[in-house]
Amino acid sequence: MKILVTVKQVPDTSGKVAVNPDGTLNRASMQTIINPDDLNAVEAALALKDELGCKVVAFTMGPPPAEGMLRELMAMGVDEGVLVTAREFGGSDTYATSQILAAAIGTYGVEADDVILAGRQAIDGDTAQVGPQIAEKLHLPQVSYAGEITKEDNALTVKRMLEDGYMTIKVKTPCLVTCVKELNAPRYMNIRGILDAYQQPMTVMTYETLKDHPLIDKETIGLEGSPTNILTSFTPPQKGAGMMLSGADKATTDQLAGILAEKHII
């Protein structure tokens, strides 16, 4: 058994957001972080590894520097990294990204007792589409919004978190599960892991590696092959500093009412 985890390097939205003229994000000029929900998927994989002794492999699609992110995951306990990178893959939307990642995972190999884990969604798109699309393209059963995962024999029992309650589903492997942040608290890198991270195997899959896979077609990958068209992207204006009033007497409430009336709020 092995666990395959899809992970994305995303812009740090707490900092500067840069946009290219074509509406896509200028990722090269922005600070990046590991997508938070994906860290929960990695932790779920590592918890199963601790319990079952299985292998954990992290997949990411991105530019060559994304290798550093995979090394960070190895310092947490991931056994192997797979970097899917090529100019032909640049600018892919969720549909094209799922095509490429499904081809990469299919090329790597999915066996009868394997599990694929993914974060619920990425903070740069918030679509929650890539994980389910990968499952559909690999013809695998899928369970989304996992708040609890247990494995027994050749099946997973997943407790799904819904808006109004929970749903418990049992699914046979191989399967794909998307994870929510409430599932766990991701562990930190440790000294031993950091020292060993650059000794762990790293596989790089390029367009040449995947071009013969049925899912790889230049008309359905990359920016030109993406059916999603971005009308415009922009950095929202920063809000001004707030105003703090001190006191809990009538004079303070009168002052507040006067400010609101001056701004035509009341």
Protein backbone atom coordinates (compact mmCIF):
# COMPACT_ATOMS: atom_id res chain seq x y z
CA MET A 1 0.00 0.00 0.00
CA LYS A 2 1.07 3.56 -0.70
CA ILE A 3 -0.54 6.95 -0.22
CA LEU A 4 -0.27 9.56 -2.95
CA VAL A 5 -0.84 13.18 -1.89
CA THR A 6 -1.37 16.11 -4.24
CA VAL A 7 0.09 19.38 -2.97
CA LYS A 8 0.11 22.88 -4.44
CA GLN A 9 2.47 25.78 -3.92
CA VAL A 10 0.27 28.87 -3.69
CA PRO A 11 0.86 32.63 -3.37
CA ASP A 12 1.01 33.95 0.17
CA THR A 13 -2.14 36.05 0.06
CA SER A 14 -1.11 37.90 3.23
CA GLY A 15 1.57 39.67 1.16
CA LYS A 16 1.73 41.42 -2.20
CA VAL A 17 -0.43 39.96 -4.99
CA ALA A 18 0.91 40.54 -8.53
CA VAL A 19 -1.17 40.06 -11.68
CA ASN A 20 0.05 39.66 -15.28
CA PRO A 21 -1.58 41.63 -18.13
CA ASP A 22 -3.40 38.46 -19.28
CA GLY A 23 -5.13 38.17 -15.89
CA THR A 24 -3.05 35.30 -14.53
CA LEU A 25 -1.10 35.57 -11.29
CA ASN A 26 2.56 36.57 -11.59
CA ARG A 27 3.71 33.80 -9.27
CA ALA A 28 7.42 34.47 -9.87
CA SER A 29 7.21 37.84 -8.09
CA MET A 30 5.16 36.63 -5.11
CA GLN A 31 6.04 34.86 -1.89
CA THR A 32 4.70 31.32 -1.81
CA ILE A 33 3.49 28.89 0.84
CA ILE A 34 2.21 25.31 0.91
CA ASN A 35 -1.55 25.31 0.41
CA PRO A 36 -3.02 24.97 3.94
CA ASP A 37 -5.64 22.30 3.14
CA ASP A 38 -2.95 20.24 1.39
CA LEU A 39 -0.95 20.20 4.62
CA ASN A 40 -3.93 18.54 6.30
CA ALA A 41 -3.92 15.91 3.55
CA VAL A 42 -0.18 15.36 4.08
CA GLU A 43 -0.70 14.97 7.83
CA ALA A 44 -3.50 12.44 7.21
CA ALA A 45 -1.13 10.48 4.97
CA LEU A 46 1.65 10.58 7.55
CA ALA A 47 -0.74 9.47 10.31
CA LEU A 48 -1.71 6.44 8.20
CA LYS A 49 2.00 5.82 7.57
CA ASP A 50 2.65 5.86 11.32
CA GLU A 51 -0.17 3.36 11.81
CA LEU A 52 0.35 1.06 8.83
CA GLY A 53 3.96 1.57 7.78
CA CYS A 54 3.02 2.49 4.20
CA LYS A 55 4.88 4.72 1.73
CA VAL A 56 3.83 8.35 1.21
CA VAL A 57 4.49 10.07 -2.14
CA ALA A 58 3.79 13.80 -2.69
CA PHE A 59 2.87 15.11 -6.16
CA THR A 60 2.95 18.75 -7.20
CA MET A 61 2.69 20.58 -10.52
CA GLY A 62 4.67 23.79 -10.76
CA PRO A 63 7.94 25.45 -11.77
CA PRO A 64 11.29 23.83 -10.85
CA PRO A 65 11.62 25.81 -7.56
CA ALA A 66 8.60 23.87 -6.27
CA GLU A 67 11.11 21.11 -5.51
CA GLY A 68 11.92 23.05 -2.34
CA MET A 69 8.34 22.62 -1.14
CA LEU A 70 8.55 18.87 -1.73
CA ARG A 71 11.77 18.76 0.31
CA GLU A 72 9.93 20.50 3.16
CA LEU A 73 7.31 17.75 3.05
CA MET A 74 10.07 15.15 3.11
CA ALA A 75 11.40 16.81 6.27
CA MET A 76 7.95 16.18 7.76
CA GLY A 77 8.05 12.48 6.84
CA VAL A 78 7.06 12.12 3.17
CA ASP A 79 9.10 9.35 1.50
CA GLU A 80 9.24 10.54 -2.11
CA GLY A 81 8.42 13.61 -4.19
CA VAL A 82 7.16 13.87 -7.76
CA LEU A 83 7.55 17.25 -9.47
CA VAL A 84 5.44 17.69 -12.61
CA THR A 85 6.92 20.63 -14.50
CA ALA A 86 7.03 21.91 -18.09
CA ARG A 87 6.40 25.15 -19.95
CA GLU A 88 3.58 23.36 -21.76
CA PHE A 89 1.77 23.02 -18.41
CA GLY A 90 1.97 26.72 -17.46
CA GLY A 91 -1.27 28.67 -17.04
CA SER A 92 -3.45 25.57 -16.64
CA ASP A 93 -6.86 26.02 -15.05
CA THR A 94 -8.48 23.38 -12.85
CA TYR A 95 -9.56 21.24 -15.81
CA ALA A 96 -6.11 21.23 -17.42
CA THR A 97 -4.35 20.80 -14.07
CA SER A 98 -6.43 17.74 -13.24
CA GLN A 99 -5.65 16.30 -16.69
CA ILE A 100 -1.92 16.65 -16.07
CA LEU A 101 -1.90 15.42 -12.47
CA ALA A 102 -4.12 12.45 -13.32
CA ALA A 103 -1.71 11.54 -16.11
CA ALA A 104 1.25 11.85 -13.72
CA ILE A 105 -0.41 9.71 -11.05
CA GLY A 106 -1.51 7.16 -13.64
CA THR A 107 2.02 7.01 -15.03
CA TYR A 108 3.48 6.56 -11.54
CA GLY A 109 0.96 3.77 -10.90
CA VAL A 110 -2.09 3.24 -8.68
CA GLU A 111 -2.46 -0.22 -7.17
CA ALA A 112 -5.46 -1.97 -5.63
CA ASP A 113 -4.84 -0.88 -2.03
CA ASP A 114 -3.57 2.65 -2.73
CA VAL A 115 -5.15 5.87 -1.48
CA ILE A 116 -4.93 9.35 -3.03
CA LEU A 117 -5.37 12.30 -0.67
CA ALA A 118 -5.84 15.95 -1.60
CA GLY A 119 -6.70 19.17 0.18
CA ARG A 120 -10.29 20.36 -0.10
CA GLN A 121 -9.31 23.42 -2.14
CA ALA A 122 -6.48 25.85 -2.86
CA ILE A 123 -6.52 29.37 -1.42
CA ASP A 124 -5.61 30.96 -4.78
CA GLY A 125 -8.66 29.60 -6.65
CA ASP A 126 -11.03 28.25 -3.98
CA THR A 127 -12.75 26.02 -6.54
CA ALA A 128 -12.38 22.60 -4.83
CA GLN A 129 -12.42 21.05 -8.31
CA VAL A 130 -8.98 19.52 -8.95
CA GLY A 131 -9.22 16.61 -6.49
CA PRO A 132 -12.63 15.37 -7.68
CA GLN A 133 -11.62 15.85 -11.32
CA ILE A 134 -8.50 13.71 -10.81
CA ALA A 135 -10.69 10.95 -9.36
CA GLU A 136 -13.06 11.11 -12.34
CA LYS A 137 -10.23 10.97 -14.87
CA LEU A 138 -8.63 8.01 -13.10
CA HIS A 139 -12.06 6.33 -12.78
CA LEU A 140 -11.74 6.10 -9.00
CA PRO A 141 -14.39 6.49 -6.29
CA GLN A 142 -14.06 9.71 -4.33
CA VAL A 143 -15.12 11.13 -0.98
CA SER A 144 -14.88 14.86 -0.29
CA TYR A 145 -14.70 16.97 2.90
CA ALA A 146 -13.10 14.30 5.07
CA GLY A 147 -13.04 15.22 8.76
CA GLU A 148 -11.97 11.76 9.91
CA ILE A 149 -10.33 8.84 8.08
CA THR A 150 -9.80 5.26 9.26
CA LYS A 151 -8.56 2.28 7.23
CA GLU A 152 -9.55 -1.34 7.65
CA ASP A 153 -8.55 -4.06 5.19
CA ASN A 154 -9.22 -2.79 1.66
CA ALA A 155 -11.57 0.04 2.59
CA LEU A 156 -11.62 3.50 4.19
CA THR A 157 -14.30 4.78 6.52
CA VAL A 158 -14.59 8.55 6.04
CA LYS A 159 -16.57 10.95 8.20
CA ARG A 160 -17.57 13.83 5.95
CA MET A 161 -18.09 17.30 7.40
CA LEU A 162 -21.20 18.97 6.00
CA GLU A 163 -22.77 22.33 6.74
CA ASP A 164 -25.57 20.80 8.81
CA GLY A 165 -23.93 17.67 10.23
CA TYR A 166 -21.85 14.63 9.34
CA MET A 167 -22.06 11.77 6.85
CA THR A 168 -20.11 8.54 7.27
CA ILE A 169 -19.13 6.69 4.09
CA LYS A 170 -17.23 3.46 3.54
CA VAL A 171 -15.28 3.30 0.29
CA LYS A 172 -13.08 0.60 -1.20
CA THR A 173 -9.53 1.29 -2.32
CA PRO A 174 -8.13 2.55 -4.58
CA CYS A 175 -9.94 5.82 -3.99
CA LEU A 176 -9.43 9.58 -3.66
CA VAL A 177 -10.32 11.59 -0.56
CA THR A 178 -10.23 15.38 -0.11
CA CYS A 179 -9.43 16.68 3.36
CA VAL A 180 -10.65 19.68 5.36
CA LYS A 181 -8.65 21.65 7.89
CA GLU A 182 -10.68 20.24 10.80
CA LEU A 183 -9.25 16.77 10.08
CA ASN A 184 -6.01 17.33 11.99
CA ALA A 185 -3.17 19.65 12.96
CA PRO A 186 -0.18 19.29 10.57
CA ARG A 187 3.07 18.30 12.21
CA TYR A 188 6.27 20.34 11.99
CA MET A 189 9.51 19.46 10.27
CA ASN A 190 12.04 17.85 12.59
CA ILE A 191 15.83 17.99 12.70
CA ARG A 192 16.26 14.38 11.54
CA GLY A 193 13.82 14.95 8.69
CA ILE A 194 15.57 18.15 7.58
CA LEU A 195 18.93 16.38 7.53
CA ASP A 196 17.52 13.45 5.53
CA ALA A 197 15.27 15.43 3.17
CA TYR A 198 17.83 15.79 0.38
CA GLN A 199 18.60 12.07 0.50
CA GLN A 200 15.02 11.12 -0.37
CA PRO A 201 14.14 10.27 -3.99
CA MET A 202 12.77 12.99 -6.26
CA THR A 203 11.15 12.20 -9.61
CA VAL A 204 10.67 14.92 -12.24
CA MET A 205 7.95 14.40 -14.85
CA THR A 206 8.08 16.72 -17.87
CA TYR A 207 5.95 17.04 -20.98
CA GLU A 208 8.23 14.50 -22.66
CA THR A 209 7.56 12.07 -19.80
CA LEU A 210 3.79 12.34 -20.08
CA LYS A 211 3.12 13.26 -23.72
CA ASP A 212 2.08 9.72 -24.70
CA HIS A 213 -0.51 9.43 -21.92
CA PRO A 214 -4.12 9.56 -23.24
CA LEU A 215 -4.95 12.52 -20.98
CA ILE A 216 -2.15 14.70 -22.35
CA ASP A 217 -3.25 16.72 -25.35
CA LYS A 218 -1.86 20.18 -26.14
CA GLU A 219 -5.42 21.33 -26.87
CA THR A 220 -6.53 20.59 -23.30
CA ILE A 221 -3.50 21.57 -21.20
CA GLY A 222 -1.70 24.82 -20.43
CA LEU A 223 -3.14 28.30 -20.77
CA GLU A 224 -4.36 27.83 -24.34
CA GLY A 225 -6.02 24.52 -23.51
CA SER A 226 -7.83 25.82 -20.43
CA PRO A 227 -11.58 26.42 -20.91
CA THR A 228 -11.69 28.95 -18.04
CA ASN A 229 -11.28 32.53 -19.28
CA ILE A 230 -10.28 35.20 -16.75
CA LEU A 231 -11.96 38.52 -17.47
CA THR A 232 -9.83 40.51 -15.04
CA SER A 233 -7.78 40.09 -11.89
CA PHE A 234 -6.72 42.84 -9.53
CA THR A 235 -5.44 43.52 -6.04
CA PRO A 236 -8.31 44.87 -3.91
CA PRO A 237 -7.66 48.31 -2.42
CA GLN A 238 -6.43 48.35 1.15
CA LYS A 239 -8.88 49.60 3.72
CA GLY A 240 -7.94 52.61 5.77
CA ALA A 241 -7.09 52.45 9.44
CA GLY A 242 -10.04 52.06 11.79
CA MET A 243 -11.12 54.52 14.45
CA MET A 244 -11.25 53.51 18.11
CA LEU A 245 -13.51 55.32 20.56
CA SER A 246 -12.92 54.82 24.26
CA GLY A 247 -15.55 55.05 26.95
CA ALA A 248 -18.99 53.61 27.65
CA ASP A 249 -20.92 56.76 28.57
CA LYS A 250 -23.47 58.93 26.75
CA ALA A 251 -20.80 61.28 25.48
CA THR A 252 -19.07 58.41 23.63
CA THR A 253 -22.32 57.15 22.08
CA ASP A 254 -23.21 60.71 21.01
CA GLN A 255 -19.76 61.02 19.43
CA LEU A 256 -20.25 57.72 17.57
CA ALA A 257 -23.70 58.76 16.36
CA GLY A 258 -22.27 62.05 15.12
CA ILE A 259 -19.52 60.31 13.13
CA LEU A 260 -22.01 57.87 11.53
CA ALA A 261 -24.40 60.70 10.66
CA GLU A 262 -21.56 62.72 9.10
CA LYS A 263 -20.73 59.75 6.86
CA HIS A 264 -24.45 59.36 5.98
CA ILE A 265 -24.47 55.83 7.45
CA ILE A 266 -27.38 56.80 9.68
